[in-house]
C-alpha atoms as a PDB file:
ATOM      1  CA  UNK A   1     128.130 266.537 132.924  1.00  0.00           C
ATOM      2  CA  UNK A   2     124.987 265.451 134.320  1.00  0.00           C
ATOM      3  CA  UNK A   3     123.544 267.758 137.184  1.00  0.00           C
ATOM      4  CA  UNK A   4     124.221 265.798 140.698  1.00  0.00           C
ATOM      5  CA  UNK A   5     121.099 265.587 142.691  1.00  0.00           C
ATOM      6  CA  UNK A   6     122.555 265.610 146.005  1.00  0.00           C
ATOM      7  CA  UNK A   7     124.602 269.326 145.184  1.00  0.00           C
ATOM      8  CA  UNK A   8     120.889 270.600 143.041  1.00  0.00           C
ATOM      9  CA  UNK A   9     118.675 270.142 146.115  1.00  0.00           C
ATOM     10  CA  UNK A  10     121.194 271.255 148.681  1.00  0.00           C
ATOM     11  CA  UNK A  11     122.346 274.743 146.602  1.00  0.00           C
ATOM     12  CA  UNK A  12     121.278 277.955 148.439  1.00  0.00           C
ATOM     13  CA  UNK A  13     119.460 280.291 145.704  1.00  0.00           C
ATOM     14  CA  UNK A  14     119.502 283.735 147.652  1.00  0.00           C
ATOM     15  CA  UNK A  15     115.701 284.647 148.059  1.00  0.00           C
ATOM     16  CA  UNK A  16     114.408 288.570 146.295  1.00  0.00           C
ATOM     17  CA  UNK A  17     111.865 291.056 147.272  1.00  0.00           C
ATOM     18  CA  UNK A  18     110.386 293.454 144.282  1.00  0.00           C
ATOM     19  CA  UNK A  19     107.614 295.741 144.381  1.00  0.00           C
ATOM     20  CA  UNK A  20     104.747 295.483 141.873  1.00  0.00           C
ATOM     21  CA  UNK A  21     104.373 298.360 139.972  1.00  0.00           C
ATOM     22  CA  UNK A  22     100.969 299.653 138.205  1.00  0.00           C
ATOM     23  CA  UNK A  23     103.399 300.298 134.545  1.00  0.00           C
ATOM     24  CA  UNK A  24     104.502 297.184 134.933  1.00  0.00           C
ATOM     25  CA  UNK A  25     101.345 295.211 135.376  1.00  0.00           C
ATOM     26  CA  UNK A  26      99.958 297.433 131.976  1.00  0.00           C
ATOM     27  CA  UNK A  27     102.941 296.718 130.063  1.00  0.00           C
ATOM     28  CA  UNK A  28     103.275 292.647 131.067  1.00  0.00           C
ATOM     29  CA  UNK A  29      99.060 293.019 130.592  1.00  0.00           C
ATOM     30  CA  UNK A  30      99.887 294.291 126.863  1.00  0.00           C
ATOM     31  CA  UNK A  31     102.885 292.416 126.004  1.00  0.00           C
ATOM     32  CA  UNK A  32     100.620 288.958 126.582  1.00  0.00           C
ATOM     33  CA  UNK A  33      97.036 290.388 124.797  1.00  0.00           C
ATOM     34  CA  UNK A  34      95.504 290.328 127.774  1.00  0.00           C
ATOM     35  CA  UNK A  35      92.565 292.971 126.834  1.00  0.00           C
ATOM     36  CA  UNK A  36      90.299 293.182 130.454  1.00  0.00           C
ATOM     37  CA  UNK A  37      90.689 296.765 131.408  1.00  0.00           C
ATOM     38  CA  UNK A  38      90.955 295.408 135.116  1.00  0.00           C
ATOM     39  CA  UNK A  39      94.086 294.576 134.333  1.00  0.00           C
ATOM     40  CA  UNK A  40      95.122 298.143 133.063  1.00  0.00           C
ATOM     41  CA  UNK A  41      92.834 300.169 134.462  1.00  0.00           C
ATOM     42  CA  UNK A  42      92.361 300.804 138.219  1.00  0.00           C
ATOM     43  CA  UNK A  43      89.270 302.573 138.716  1.00  0.00           C
ATOM     44  CA  UNK A  44      87.990 299.069 136.291  1.00  0.00           C
ATOM     45  CA  UNK A  45      89.424 296.804 138.842  1.00  0.00           C
ATOM     46  CA  UNK A  46      88.158 298.257 141.793  1.00  0.00           C
ATOM     47  CA  UNK A  47      84.576 298.463 140.558  1.00  0.00           C
ATOM     48  CA  UNK A  48      85.927 294.059 139.930  1.00  0.00           C
ATOM     49  CA  UNK A  49      86.199 294.549 143.884  1.00  0.00           C
ATOM     50  CA  UNK A  50      90.290 294.491 143.553  1.00  0.00           C
ATOM     51  CA  UNK A  51      92.628 297.199 145.486  1.00  0.00           C
ATOM     52  CA  UNK A  52      94.400 298.022 142.493  1.00  0.00           C
ATOM     53  CA  UNK A  53      95.524 296.698 139.566  1.00  0.00           C
ATOM     54  CA  UNK A  54      95.351 292.236 140.194  1.00  0.00           C
ATOM     55  CA  UNK A  55      98.654 290.663 138.846  1.00  0.00           C
ATOM     56  CA  UNK A  56      98.112 288.900 135.706  1.00  0.00           C
ATOM     57  CA  UNK A  57      98.051 284.567 136.681  1.00  0.00           C
ATOM     58  CA  UNK A  58     101.843 284.184 134.283  1.00  0.00           C
ATOM     59  CA  UNK A  59     103.104 287.446 135.734  1.00  0.00           C
ATOM     60  CA  UNK A  60     105.413 285.320 138.425  1.00  0.00           C
ATOM     61  CA  UNK A  61     107.812 284.198 135.809  1.00  0.00           C
ATOM     62  CA  UNK A  62     108.750 287.640 134.947  1.00  0.00           C
ATOM     63  CA  UNK A  63     109.714 288.476 139.025  1.00  0.00           C
ATOM     64  CA  UNK A  64     111.757 285.494 139.279  1.00  0.00           C
ATOM     65  CA  UNK A  65     114.156 286.981 136.078  1.00  0.00           C
ATOM     66  CA  UNK A  66     114.856 290.042 138.173  1.00  0.00           C
ATOM     67  CA  UNK A  67     117.504 288.558 139.921  1.00  0.00           C
ATOM     68  CA  UNK A  68     120.784 289.699 138.970  1.00  0.00           C
ATOM     69  CA  UNK A  69     120.992 286.177 137.182  1.00  0.00           C
ATOM     70  CA  UNK A  70     118.182 284.786 137.216  1.00  0.00           C
ATOM     71  CA  UNK A  71     120.387 281.414 135.395  1.00  0.00           C
ATOM     72  CA  UNK A  72     123.191 281.568 137.926  1.00  0.00           C
ATOM     73  CA  UNK A  73     121.804 278.752 139.695  1.00  0.00           C
ATOM     74  CA  UNK A  74     122.407 276.739 136.866  1.00  0.00           C
ATOM     75  CA  UNK A  75     125.924 277.866 136.184  1.00  0.00           C
ATOM     76  CA  UNK A  76     126.246 276.336 139.556  1.00  0.00           C
ATOM     77  CA  UNK A  77     125.726 273.518 139.014  1.00  0.00           C
ATOM     78  CA  UNK A  78     127.531 273.189 136.395  1.00  0.00           C
ATOM     79  CA  UNK A  79     124.753 273.323 133.745  1.00  0.00           C
ATOM     80  CA  UNK A  80     126.036 274.639 129.968  1.00  0.00           C
ATOM     81  CA  UNK A  81     123.045 277.256 128.995  1.00  0.00           C
ATOM     82  CA  UNK A  82     123.444 276.450 125.402  1.00  0.00           C
ATOM     83  CA  UNK A  83     121.533 273.056 126.048  1.00  0.00           C
ATOM     84  CA  UNK A  84     118.841 274.026 128.058  1.00  0.00           C
ATOM     85  CA  UNK A  85     115.081 273.927 127.568  1.00  0.00           C
ATOM     86  CA  UNK A  86     112.142 275.554 129.611  1.00  0.00           C
ATOM     87  CA  UNK A  87     109.621 272.767 129.710  1.00  0.00           C
ATOM     88  CA  UNK A  88     107.033 273.290 131.725  1.00  0.00           C
ATOM     89  CA  UNK A  89     105.576 275.949 134.200  1.00  0.00           C
ATOM     90  CA  UNK A  90     103.326 275.748 136.894  1.00  0.00           C
ATOM     91  CA  UNK A  91     101.333 278.351 139.106  1.00  0.00           C
ATOM     92  CA  UNK A  92      99.692 277.418 142.844  1.00  0.00           C
ATOM     93  CA  UNK A  93      97.257 280.229 143.536  1.00  0.00           C
ATOM     94  CA  UNK A  94      96.662 281.001 147.341  1.00  0.00           C
ATOM     95  CA  UNK A  95      95.979 284.854 147.514  1.00  0.00           C
ATOM     96  CA  UNK A  96      95.529 287.252 144.551  1.00  0.00           C
ATOM     97  CA  UNK A  97      98.795 290.048 144.501  1.00  0.00           C
ATOM     98  CA  UNK A  98      98.499 293.773 143.504  1.00  0.00           C
ATOM     99  CA  UNK A  99     100.312 296.843 141.859  1.00  0.00           C
ATOM    100  CA  UNK A 100     102.052 298.243 145.552  1.00  0.00           C
ATOM    101  CA  UNK A 101     102.796 294.826 146.578  1.00  0.00           C
ATOM    102  CA  UNK A 102     106.294 293.935 147.656  1.00  0.00           C
ATOM    103  CA  UNK A 103     106.917 289.971 147.325  1.00  0.00           C
ATOM    104  CA  UNK A 104     109.730 287.954 148.381  1.00  0.00           C
ATOM    105  CA  UNK A 105     110.285 284.734 146.207  1.00  0.00           C
ATOM    106  CA  UNK A 106     112.236 282.014 147.292  1.00  0.00           C
ATOM    107  CA  UNK A 107     113.683 279.717 145.143  1.00  0.00           C
ATOM    108  CA  UNK A 108     114.869 275.427 145.763  1.00  0.00           C
ATOM    109  CA  UNK A 109     115.360 273.516 143.565  1.00  0.00           C
ATOM    110  CA  UNK A 110     113.084 270.235 143.935  1.00  0.00           C
ATOM    111  CA  UNK A 111     114.592 267.405 142.649  1.00  0.00           C
ATOM    112  CA  UNK A 112     117.098 266.038 138.847  1.00  0.00           C
ATOM    113  CA  UNK A 113     115.724 263.473 137.070  1.00  0.00           C
ATOM    114  CA  UNK A 114     118.111 261.684 134.526  1.00  0.00           C
ATOM    115  CA  UNK A 115     116.268 260.753 131.030  1.00  0.00           C
ATOM    116  CA  UNK A 116     117.132 258.536 128.414  1.00  0.00           C
ATOM    117  CA  UNK A 117     119.866 256.952 128.760  1.00  0.00           C
ATOM    118  CA  UNK A 118     121.638 260.034 130.475  1.00  0.00           C
ATOM    119  CA  UNK A 119     120.967 262.439 127.752  1.00  0.00           C
ATOM    120  CA  UNK A 120     119.335 264.699 129.587  1.00  0.00           C
ATOM    121  CA  UNK A 121     118.202 265.733 132.937  1.00  0.00           C
ATOM    122  CA  UNK A 122     115.133 267.119 133.899  1.00  0.00           C
ATOM    123  CA  UNK A 123     115.303 270.185 136.801  1.00  0.00           C
ATOM    124  CA  UNK A 124     112.043 270.923 138.668  1.00  0.00           C
ATOM    125  CA  UNK A 125     112.653 274.207 140.971  1.00  0.00           C
ATOM    126  CA  UNK A 126     109.846 275.438 142.821  1.00  0.00           C
ATOM    127  CA  UNK A 127     109.296 279.720 144.223  1.00  0.00           C
ATOM    128  CA  UNK A 128     107.557 280.676 146.861  1.00  0.00           C
ATOM    129  CA  UNK A 129     106.037 283.915 146.707  1.00  0.00           C
ATOM    130  CA  UNK A 130     105.247 285.531 149.684  1.00  0.00           C
ATOM    131  CA  UNK A 131     104.177 288.937 150.635  1.00  0.00           C
ATOM    132  CA  UNK A 132     104.968 289.402 154.054  1.00  0.00           C
ATOM    133  CA  UNK A 133     104.705 285.868 155.830  1.00  0.00           C
ATOM    134  CA  UNK A 134     101.437 284.962 153.690  1.00  0.00           C
ATOM    135  CA  UNK A 135     101.958 282.850 150.780  1.00  0.00           C
ATOM    136  CA  UNK A 136     100.635 284.194 147.364  1.00  0.00           C
ATOM    137  CA  UNK A 137     101.742 281.779 145.166  1.00  0.00           C
ATOM    138  CA  UNK A 138     104.003 278.257 143.837  1.00  0.00           C
ATOM    139  CA  UNK A 139     105.697 278.309 140.783  1.00  0.00           C
ATOM    140  CA  UNK A 140     107.003 275.380 139.882  1.00  0.00           C
ATOM    141  CA  UNK A 141     109.449 275.398 136.455  1.00  0.00           C
ATOM    142  CA  UNK A 142     110.931 272.062 134.855  1.00  0.00           C
ATOM    143  CA  UNK A 143     114.084 272.926 132.937  1.00  0.00           C
ATOM    144  CA  UNK A 144     115.616 270.106 130.445  1.00  0.00           C
ATOM    145  CA  UNK A 145     119.234 269.964 130.083  1.00  0.00           C
ATOM    146  CA  UNK A 146     120.169 268.039 126.864  1.00  0.00           C
ATOM    147  CA  UNK A 147     123.630 266.645 126.558  1.00  0.00           C
ATOM    148  CA  UNK A 148     124.776 265.911 123.185  1.00  0.00           C
ATOM    149  CA  UNK A 149     126.635 262.866 122.575  1.00  0.00           C
ATOM    150  CA  UNK A 150     130.541 263.995 122.217  1.00  0.00           C
ATOM    151  CA  UNK A 151     129.639 265.683 126.139  1.00  0.00           C
ATOM    152  CA  UNK A 152     128.803 262.217 127.869  1.00  0.00           C
END
């Protein structure tokens, strides 16, 4: 069943607050193959002018998965997760984030567009990442929801 664009835009997604931990940043840097020591060694990070380990560029995506049920918003819209593809992720950075920061993520659905004669919906979700009142980054994800012929 196609996603109702008005219901999607009106859907309330509860914000979450997370603390950025050094160990998690080191693990993330290792998992993405980051070899620059400023992402794993606090002294090297400080030599590069950072106050602590900086957050790698795509780390914010993993923070959004900290929600108790990160895909509950799709379930609330009646989306069958078996037919979901992660289409794209885009980040706009406004300030550096570091280990020790407490960040709040506030998400909402921007829009839903039907494509290919109703065989898929393109859903865009925006997440604002703040440290207190300061906007640190904005993450925009594009989700593709496919509808098999028998479900249309």
